[in-house]
């Protein structure tokens, strides 16, 4: 593995819930080894307050969270990406921009907790459940002994992480 952090872009359509939770969680858990960003094809403009509350409950500071377009990561000044992860089925099927560095792209589909209905407690529970899946997947990512995305075994392992529930 190289000495630079493994750079991950996590995508969802709105970039307000799942991708925000994954970005801040991976930056916290993988500090030094990983550098995570998140974006959306049609960003909502603000992080979902339930996502921010879930991160806070997990002891993660999300004060800098913002909903942003994936266009920020497709230009010549964008960080070189090693991995692009889609979390929702709509972004997985959309035509993505060209990512500088031609990173590996994997799909780790996860139901959108922002679509949950009911009381605030029920919605918060949906975010907690989604965060639990994200946390388990990121745990699996963080313990991979190699992050060489050219290695077929690493590619397979990254793809299989999406099946973790």
Foldseek 3Di string as FASTA:
>chain_A
DDQAAQEEEEEDAAQAALRLLLQQVLCVVVPRNYHYHYAHQHHPFYHDVLRCVLCVVVVTHSVVDTYHHCVCQQDPPHDQHAEYEYADPVVVPDDDHDGPNRHHYEYLYDDDLVPDDDDPVRSSVSRNVSSVLSVQLSVQVNPDPDSPCVDPVNVVSNRCSSVGD
